[in-house]
Amino acid sequence: LVSEIKKRFEVRLHLHCHATTGMAEMALLKAIEAGVDGVDTAISSMSATYGHPATEALVATLAGTEHDTGLDILKLENIAAYFREVRKKYHAFEGQLKGYDSRILVAQVPGGMLTNLESQLKQQNAADKLDQVLAEIPRVREDLGFIPLVTPTSQIVGTQAVLNVLTGERYKTIAKETAGILKGEYGHTPVPVNAALQARVLEGGAPVTCRPADLLKPELAELEADVRRQAQEKGITLAGNAIDDVLTVALFPQIGLKFLENRNNPAAFEPLPQAEAAQPVAKAEKPAASGIYTVEVEGKAFVVKVSDGGDISQLTAAVPAASSAPVQAAAP
C-alpha cells in the first residue's frame, strides 16, 4: 500500500500504528522498507499495549542499515528512565491490557477506543463484560453501515455496543449519536445501514441525503450570547478570545460549562495522580491466644498475662528462673 501510494502521489506519507495486537512493529518495518517517510513510536517506558511500538526497539532494528535513524540509544534510555518514574503517578489510569490482545484482530478496536470502552465498563462496575462488548462491536458496526472506526464514530459504535451488552437487549436503548448515523447526519456510510433500525429512529421521516452541514441554521451568535450570560451568572472568566470557550460549550454541551467553571481545578474531573501505585493492605495476623506465660529476659523471669487479641494486660516479676528456657504457666 505504501509503495503504491508513493508511486501515484507526491506527498509525505506518515504511518501511525497502535501496538495492541503485536503487529505494529512488523507493519512499521515493512512500511519503512517500502518507502514511508515517517512513523510514530513511543519511548519504551510508555509504549506498547494501547500505545505505539517502542522507539528504542526500532532504532536498534534499523541501526547499520540504509534506514539508520542516527538516534543515540543511550540518550533514549535516559528519556525512558525519566518517564518510567512519571508513569507511576498515573497508575490509576492504567488499563487492563498487559500484553498483546488478539481479540482486537476481530473487533478491530483502535487503542484510544479500547481505553474508552474499559473506562465506561469500569464506571458501570462491569469490567468483566469487556469480552462481550468486543464481540458486539463488529455487529454494531455492520448495523451502522461498516462506518470507519475513527473519532468520533469509533466512540459511537463502542458506546452503543456497551449499551447493548449492559441492558441485556440489543438496541433497547439507542444513543443519540447512533440515531444520528442511522439518520444520515454523519454522511454516507460505506454500505447501507440496518433498514429496520433506520426506520425505527426516523419514525416516518426521511434520512439525510445531502451534505448534513447544509441543513444547519446559523446559531453561533445565539450560542455566544448564551455562554456569556451563563458565565456572568456563574462568575466564570472567559478566555481572552471568548470564541474558544463558546466553541468548547458548542462541541461539548454536557460538560463544556463545567470545564469553564473548573478551568484551573483538574481535581473536579479526575483523581490527582499519586506518587506510587497503591500497595495492597497487609492481611491482619490472627490474634494471639490468651494465657499466662513466664518469660526470661537477661536472667530475670517475668509472668506475662496475654488477653484475647494479643494485648499484654499484666506484667509482674517472678521468682528467678532456674533454667534459661521459657516455661508456660498453667492457665488460671
Protein backbone atom coordinates (compact mmCIF):
# COMPACT_ATOMS: atom_id res chain seq x y z
CA LEU A 1 0.00 0.00 0.00
CA VAL A 2 2.79 2.41 0.91
CA SER A 3 4.75 1.81 -2.29
CA GLU A 4 1.65 2.19 -4.47
CA ILE A 5 0.63 5.45 -2.82
CA LYS A 6 4.16 6.81 -3.22
CA LYS A 7 4.07 5.93 -6.93
CA ARG A 8 0.86 7.86 -7.54
CA PHE A 9 1.15 10.87 -5.26
CA GLU A 10 3.92 13.31 -4.40
CA VAL A 11 3.01 13.57 -0.75
CA ARG A 12 4.82 12.91 2.51
CA LEU A 13 3.45 9.65 3.93
CA HIS A 14 3.37 9.01 7.67
CA LEU A 15 2.29 5.77 9.39
CA HIS A 16 0.56 5.66 12.78
CA CYS A 17 0.03 2.25 14.42
CA HIS A 18 -1.02 1.06 17.87
CA ALA A 19 0.79 -1.95 19.30
CA THR A 20 -2.30 -3.66 20.73
CA THR A 21 -2.22 -6.80 18.55
CA GLY A 22 1.54 -7.23 18.23
CA MET A 23 1.54 -6.46 14.51
CA ALA A 24 2.58 -2.79 14.63
CA GLU A 25 6.33 -3.45 14.83
CA MET A 26 6.19 -5.58 11.68
CA ALA A 27 3.95 -3.06 9.93
CA LEU A 28 6.37 -0.21 10.66
CA LEU A 29 9.38 -2.16 9.44
CA LYS A 30 7.72 -3.20 6.18
CA ALA A 31 6.41 0.33 5.63
CA ILE A 32 9.93 1.74 6.13
CA GLU A 33 11.30 -0.74 3.60
CA ALA A 34 8.51 0.32 1.20
CA GLY A 35 9.48 3.99 1.45
CA VAL A 36 7.25 5.55 4.11
CA ASP A 37 8.54 8.97 5.18
CA GLY A 38 7.82 8.78 8.90
CA VAL A 39 6.42 6.51 11.60
CA ASP A 40 5.06 7.05 15.10
CA THR A 41 6.72 5.37 18.08
CA ALA A 42 6.76 5.89 21.84
CA ILE A 43 9.61 5.80 24.32
CA SER A 44 9.81 2.25 25.72
CA SER A 45 8.54 3.05 29.22
CA MET A 46 5.34 4.48 27.70
CA SER A 47 5.00 2.11 24.74
CA ALA A 48 3.08 -1.00 23.63
CA THR A 49 -0.37 -2.21 24.75
CA TYR A 50 -2.66 0.73 23.89
CA GLY A 51 0.21 2.88 22.62
CA HIS A 52 2.87 2.71 19.93
CA PRO A 53 5.85 0.40 19.39
CA ALA A 54 8.97 1.24 21.39
CA THR A 55 11.29 3.82 19.86
CA GLU A 56 14.45 2.08 21.07
CA ALA A 57 13.47 -1.26 19.51
CA LEU A 58 13.01 0.31 16.09
CA VAL A 59 16.21 2.35 16.41
CA ALA A 60 18.15 -0.84 17.21
CA THR A 61 16.46 -2.72 14.36
CA LEU A 62 17.43 -0.08 11.79
CA ALA A 63 20.95 0.54 13.10
CA GLY A 64 23.59 -0.07 10.44
CA THR A 65 21.06 -0.21 7.60
CA GLU A 66 20.21 2.36 4.94
CA HIS A 67 17.36 3.42 7.23
CA ASP A 68 19.58 4.06 10.28
CA THR A 69 17.90 6.77 12.37
CA GLY A 70 21.12 8.13 13.87
CA LEU A 71 19.47 8.30 17.29
CA ASP A 72 21.62 7.57 20.36
CA ILE A 73 20.19 4.56 22.19
CA LEU A 74 21.86 5.62 25.47
CA LYS A 75 20.21 9.03 25.38
CA LEU A 76 16.89 7.36 24.62
CA GLU A 77 17.37 5.19 27.71
CA ASN A 78 17.73 8.32 29.84
CA ILE A 79 14.39 9.53 28.50
CA ALA A 80 12.83 6.12 29.16
CA ALA A 81 14.10 6.15 32.75
CA TYR A 82 12.55 9.57 33.36
CA PHE A 83 9.13 8.58 32.05
CA ARG A 84 9.27 5.26 33.87
CA GLU A 85 9.01 7.25 37.10
CA VAL A 86 6.43 9.67 35.70
CA ARG A 87 4.18 6.77 34.70
CA LYS A 88 3.93 5.59 38.30
CA LYS A 89 1.96 8.74 39.16
CA TYR A 90 -0.76 7.77 36.72
CA HIS A 91 -1.25 4.15 37.74
CA ALA A 92 -4.95 4.81 38.40
CA PHE A 93 -5.45 5.39 34.68
CA GLU A 94 -3.78 2.17 33.54
CA GLY A 95 -5.98 -0.19 31.53
CA GLN A 96 -6.38 -3.94 31.89
CA LEU A 97 -4.16 -4.85 28.96
CA LYS A 98 -0.73 -6.15 29.98
CA GLY A 99 0.48 -7.57 26.65
CA TYR A 100 -0.84 -8.19 23.16
CA ASP A 101 -4.57 -8.76 22.65
CA SER A 102 -5.55 -10.92 19.66
CA ARG A 103 -9.25 -10.17 20.23
CA ILE A 104 -8.64 -6.80 18.58
CA LEU A 105 -7.84 -8.55 15.29
CA VAL A 106 -11.55 -9.42 15.14
CA ALA A 107 -13.09 -6.43 16.92
CA GLN A 108 -10.74 -4.00 15.09
CA VAL A 109 -10.88 -1.60 18.02
CA PRO A 110 -8.21 1.14 17.91
CA GLY A 111 -6.17 1.81 21.05
CA GLY A 112 -7.92 5.02 22.04
CA MET A 113 -11.32 3.41 21.65
CA LEU A 114 -10.27 0.41 23.75
CA THR A 115 -9.28 2.55 26.73
CA ASN A 116 -12.59 4.41 26.43
CA LEU A 117 -14.51 1.12 26.50
CA GLU A 118 -12.67 -0.06 29.58
CA SER A 119 -13.39 3.25 31.30
CA GLN A 120 -17.12 3.06 30.53
CA LEU A 121 -17.37 -0.50 31.81
CA LYS A 122 -15.37 0.30 34.94
CA GLN A 123 -17.71 3.19 35.76
CA GLN A 124 -20.64 0.77 35.50
CA ASN A 125 -18.89 -1.88 37.64
CA ALA A 126 -18.98 -4.15 34.61
CA ALA A 127 -15.31 -4.58 33.71
CA ASP A 128 -15.95 -8.32 33.35
CA LYS A 129 -18.19 -7.61 30.33
CA LEU A 130 -15.32 -6.49 28.08
CA ASP A 131 -15.26 -9.73 26.07
CA GLN A 132 -18.99 -9.42 25.34
CA VAL A 133 -18.58 -5.80 24.27
CA LEU A 134 -15.67 -6.65 21.96
CA ALA A 135 -17.80 -9.35 20.35
CA GLU A 136 -20.71 -6.91 19.96
CA ILE A 137 -18.69 -4.14 18.29
CA PRO A 138 -18.39 -5.81 14.83
CA ARG A 139 -22.15 -6.44 14.85
CA VAL A 140 -22.96 -2.83 15.72
CA ARG A 141 -20.51 -1.62 13.10
CA GLU A 142 -22.25 -3.76 10.48
CA ASP A 143 -25.65 -2.36 11.52
CA LEU A 144 -24.22 1.14 11.08
CA GLY A 145 -23.03 0.52 7.53
CA PHE A 146 -19.47 -0.55 8.39
CA ILE A 147 -18.67 3.01 9.37
CA PRO A 148 -14.91 3.58 9.90
CA LEU A 149 -13.73 3.22 13.50
CA VAL A 150 -12.13 6.65 13.85
CA THR A 151 -13.07 9.50 16.17
CA PRO A 152 -15.91 10.28 16.71
CA THR A 153 -17.64 7.30 15.09
CA SER A 154 -15.45 4.76 16.90
CA GLN A 155 -16.71 6.09 20.24
CA ILE A 156 -20.30 6.00 18.96
CA VAL A 157 -20.00 2.35 17.92
CA GLY A 158 -18.29 1.46 21.20
CA THR A 159 -20.86 3.23 23.37
CA GLN A 160 -23.74 1.52 21.56
CA ALA A 161 -22.06 -1.87 21.99
CA VAL A 162 -21.73 -1.18 25.73
CA LEU A 163 -25.42 -0.24 25.93
CA ASN A 164 -26.43 -3.40 24.07
CA VAL A 165 -24.49 -5.59 26.49
CA LEU A 166 -25.38 -3.84 29.75
CA THR A 167 -29.13 -3.58 29.01
CA GLY A 168 -29.25 -7.25 28.02
CA GLU A 169 -31.12 -6.44 24.81
CA ARG A 170 -29.70 -5.18 21.53
CA TYR A 171 -30.83 -1.61 20.81
CA LYS A 172 -33.18 -1.48 23.77
CA THR A 173 -31.56 1.92 24.19
CA ILE A 174 -30.26 3.76 21.12
CA ALA A 175 -27.78 6.53 21.79
CA LYS A 176 -28.48 9.92 20.23
CA GLU A 177 -25.29 9.72 18.19
CA THR A 178 -26.15 6.21 16.97
CA ALA A 179 -29.50 7.53 15.79
CA GLY A 180 -27.62 10.32 14.04
CA ILE A 181 -25.61 7.84 11.98
CA LEU A 182 -28.77 5.93 11.09
CA LYS A 183 -30.45 9.18 10.01
CA GLY A 184 -27.53 10.13 7.79
CA GLU A 185 -26.37 13.03 9.94
CA TYR A 186 -22.76 11.81 9.73
CA GLY A 187 -22.80 11.46 5.95
CA HIS A 188 -22.94 8.41 3.70
CA THR A 189 -21.76 5.09 5.13
CA PRO A 190 -19.72 2.62 3.02
CA VAL A 191 -22.75 0.30 2.77
CA PRO A 192 -26.43 0.85 3.69
CA VAL A 193 -27.27 0.83 7.40
CA ASN A 194 -29.66 -1.67 9.01
CA ALA A 195 -33.04 -0.84 7.43
CA ALA A 196 -35.14 -1.82 10.47
CA LEU A 197 -33.07 0.29 12.85
CA GLN A 198 -33.14 3.21 10.45
CA ALA A 199 -36.93 3.07 10.15
CA ARG A 200 -37.19 2.95 13.94
CA VAL A 201 -35.21 6.15 14.51
CA LEU A 202 -36.69 8.01 11.53
CA GLU A 203 -40.24 7.50 12.84
CA GLY A 204 -41.70 8.09 9.41
CA GLY A 205 -39.25 10.82 8.44
CA ALA A 206 -36.68 10.83 5.67
CA PRO A 207 -32.93 10.27 6.03
CA VAL A 208 -30.42 12.99 5.26
CA THR A 209 -29.12 12.58 1.72
CA CYS A 210 -27.35 15.91 1.22
CA ARG A 211 -24.31 17.35 2.98
CA PRO A 212 -25.51 17.33 6.64
CA ALA A 213 -23.92 20.70 7.45
CA ASP A 214 -26.06 22.35 4.76
CA LEU A 215 -29.11 21.76 6.95
CA LEU A 216 -27.72 23.61 9.96
CA LYS A 217 -29.03 27.06 10.80
CA PRO A 218 -26.56 29.78 11.85
CA GLU A 219 -26.51 29.63 15.65
CA LEU A 220 -23.09 30.88 16.72
CA ALA A 221 -24.29 34.36 17.69
CA GLU A 222 -27.11 32.95 19.81
CA LEU A 223 -24.79 30.43 21.45
CA GLU A 224 -22.19 33.09 22.22
CA ALA A 225 -24.81 35.27 23.90
CA ASP A 226 -25.99 32.29 25.97
CA VAL A 227 -22.45 31.38 27.08
CA ARG A 228 -21.68 34.97 28.06
CA ARG A 229 -24.92 35.14 30.06
CA GLN A 230 -24.18 31.91 31.94
CA ALA A 231 -20.58 32.97 32.53
CA GLN A 232 -21.76 36.22 34.10
CA GLU A 233 -24.30 34.41 36.29
CA LYS A 234 -21.76 31.84 37.50
CA GLY A 235 -18.82 34.23 37.80
CA ILE A 236 -16.82 32.48 35.09
CA THR A 237 -13.97 34.38 33.46
CA LEU A 238 -13.95 33.61 29.75
CA ALA A 239 -10.77 33.33 27.70
CA GLY A 240 -9.33 36.44 26.08
CA ASN A 241 -10.59 35.10 22.79
CA ALA A 242 -14.08 34.19 24.02
CA ILE A 243 -14.94 32.28 20.86
CA ASP A 244 -12.68 29.45 22.08
CA ASP A 245 -14.87 28.97 25.15
CA VAL A 246 -18.05 29.30 23.09
CA LEU A 247 -16.86 26.52 20.79
CA THR A 248 -15.98 24.37 23.82
CA VAL A 249 -19.59 24.59 25.02
CA ALA A 250 -20.90 24.05 21.48
CA LEU A 251 -18.83 20.90 20.97
CA PHE A 252 -19.35 19.51 24.48
CA PRO A 253 -22.72 20.83 25.69
CA GLN A 254 -22.93 18.44 28.65
CA ILE A 255 -19.54 19.19 30.22
CA GLY A 256 -18.34 22.34 28.45
CA LEU A 257 -19.65 24.76 31.05
CA LYS A 258 -18.36 22.59 33.89
CA PHE A 259 -14.93 22.71 32.28
CA LEU A 260 -15.04 26.50 32.12
CA GLU A 261 -16.08 26.68 35.79
CA ASN A 262 -13.16 24.45 36.79
CA ARG A 263 -10.58 25.50 34.21
CA ASN A 264 -7.83 25.60 36.85
CA ASN A 265 -9.18 22.79 39.02
CA PRO A 266 -8.35 19.44 37.38
CA ALA A 267 -9.42 17.61 40.55
CA ALA A 268 -13.02 18.35 39.55
CA PHE A 269 -12.67 15.95 36.62
CA GLU A 270 -10.28 13.19 37.61
CA PRO A 271 -8.32 11.97 40.63
CA LEU A 272 -4.97 13.62 41.20
CA PRO A 273 -2.03 11.42 40.19
CA GLN A 274 -0.40 9.60 43.08
CA ALA A 275 3.34 9.25 43.56
CA GLU A 276 3.27 5.47 43.75
CA ALA A 277 0.92 2.65 42.87
CA ALA A 278 -1.44 1.70 45.64
CA GLN A 279 0.02 -1.01 47.83
CA PRO A 280 -2.14 -3.94 48.93
CA VAL A 281 -3.26 -3.74 52.52
CA ALA A 282 -1.38 -6.23 54.68
CA LYS A 283 -3.55 -9.05 55.88
CA ALA A 284 -4.12 -8.87 59.61
CA GLU A 285 -2.44 -11.59 61.58
CA LYS A 286 -4.53 -13.98 63.58
CA PRO A 287 -4.97 -12.65 67.13
CA ALA A 288 -2.65 -14.24 69.65
CA ALA A 289 -4.14 -16.78 72.02
CA SER A 290 -4.79 -15.65 75.59
CA GLY A 291 -2.90 -17.15 78.51
CA ILE A 292 -0.26 -16.60 81.19
CA TYR A 293 3.38 -17.06 80.29
CA THR A 294 6.67 -16.93 82.18
CA VAL A 295 9.31 -15.18 80.12
CA GLU A 296 13.01 -14.84 80.96
CA VAL A 297 14.77 -11.62 80.00
CA GLU A 298 18.50 -11.31 80.80
CA GLY A 299 18.30 -13.83 83.63
CA LYS A 300 15.16 -12.34 85.19
CA ALA A 301 11.79 -14.10 84.96
CA PHE A 302 8.51 -12.28 84.37
CA VAL A 303 4.94 -13.53 84.43
CA VAL A 304 3.08 -12.14 81.44
CA LYS A 305 -0.69 -12.29 81.08
CA VAL A 306 -1.86 -12.03 77.45
CA SER A 307 -5.50 -11.17 76.72
CA ASP A 308 -7.51 -12.14 73.64
CA GLY A 309 -6.16 -10.23 70.65
CA GLY A 310 -2.55 -10.28 71.87
CA ASP A 311 -2.61 -7.34 74.30
CA ILE A 312 -0.45 -7.64 77.43
CA SER A 313 -2.76 -6.89 80.35
CA GLN A 314 -0.43 -7.74 83.27
CA LEU A 315 3.34 -7.95 83.78
CA THR A 316 4.86 -8.95 87.15
CA ALA A 317 8.28 -10.12 88.26
CA ALA A 318 8.56 -13.82 89.10
CA VAL A 319 10.96 -15.93 91.12
CA PRO A 320 14.36 -16.05 89.33
CA ALA A 321 14.26 -18.74 86.70
CA ALA A 322 16.20 -21.90 87.38
CA SER A 323 16.58 -22.55 83.69
CA SER A 324 17.13 -20.33 80.70
CA ALA A 325 14.23 -21.92 78.82
CA PRO A 326 10.87 -20.08 78.94
CA VAL A 327 8.19 -22.01 80.79
CA GLN A 328 4.46 -21.68 80.13
CA ALA A 329 2.46 -21.29 83.29
CA ALA A 330 -0.83 -23.06 83.75
CA ALA A 331 -3.85 -21.01 82.77
CA PRO A 332 -5.99 -19.90 85.71
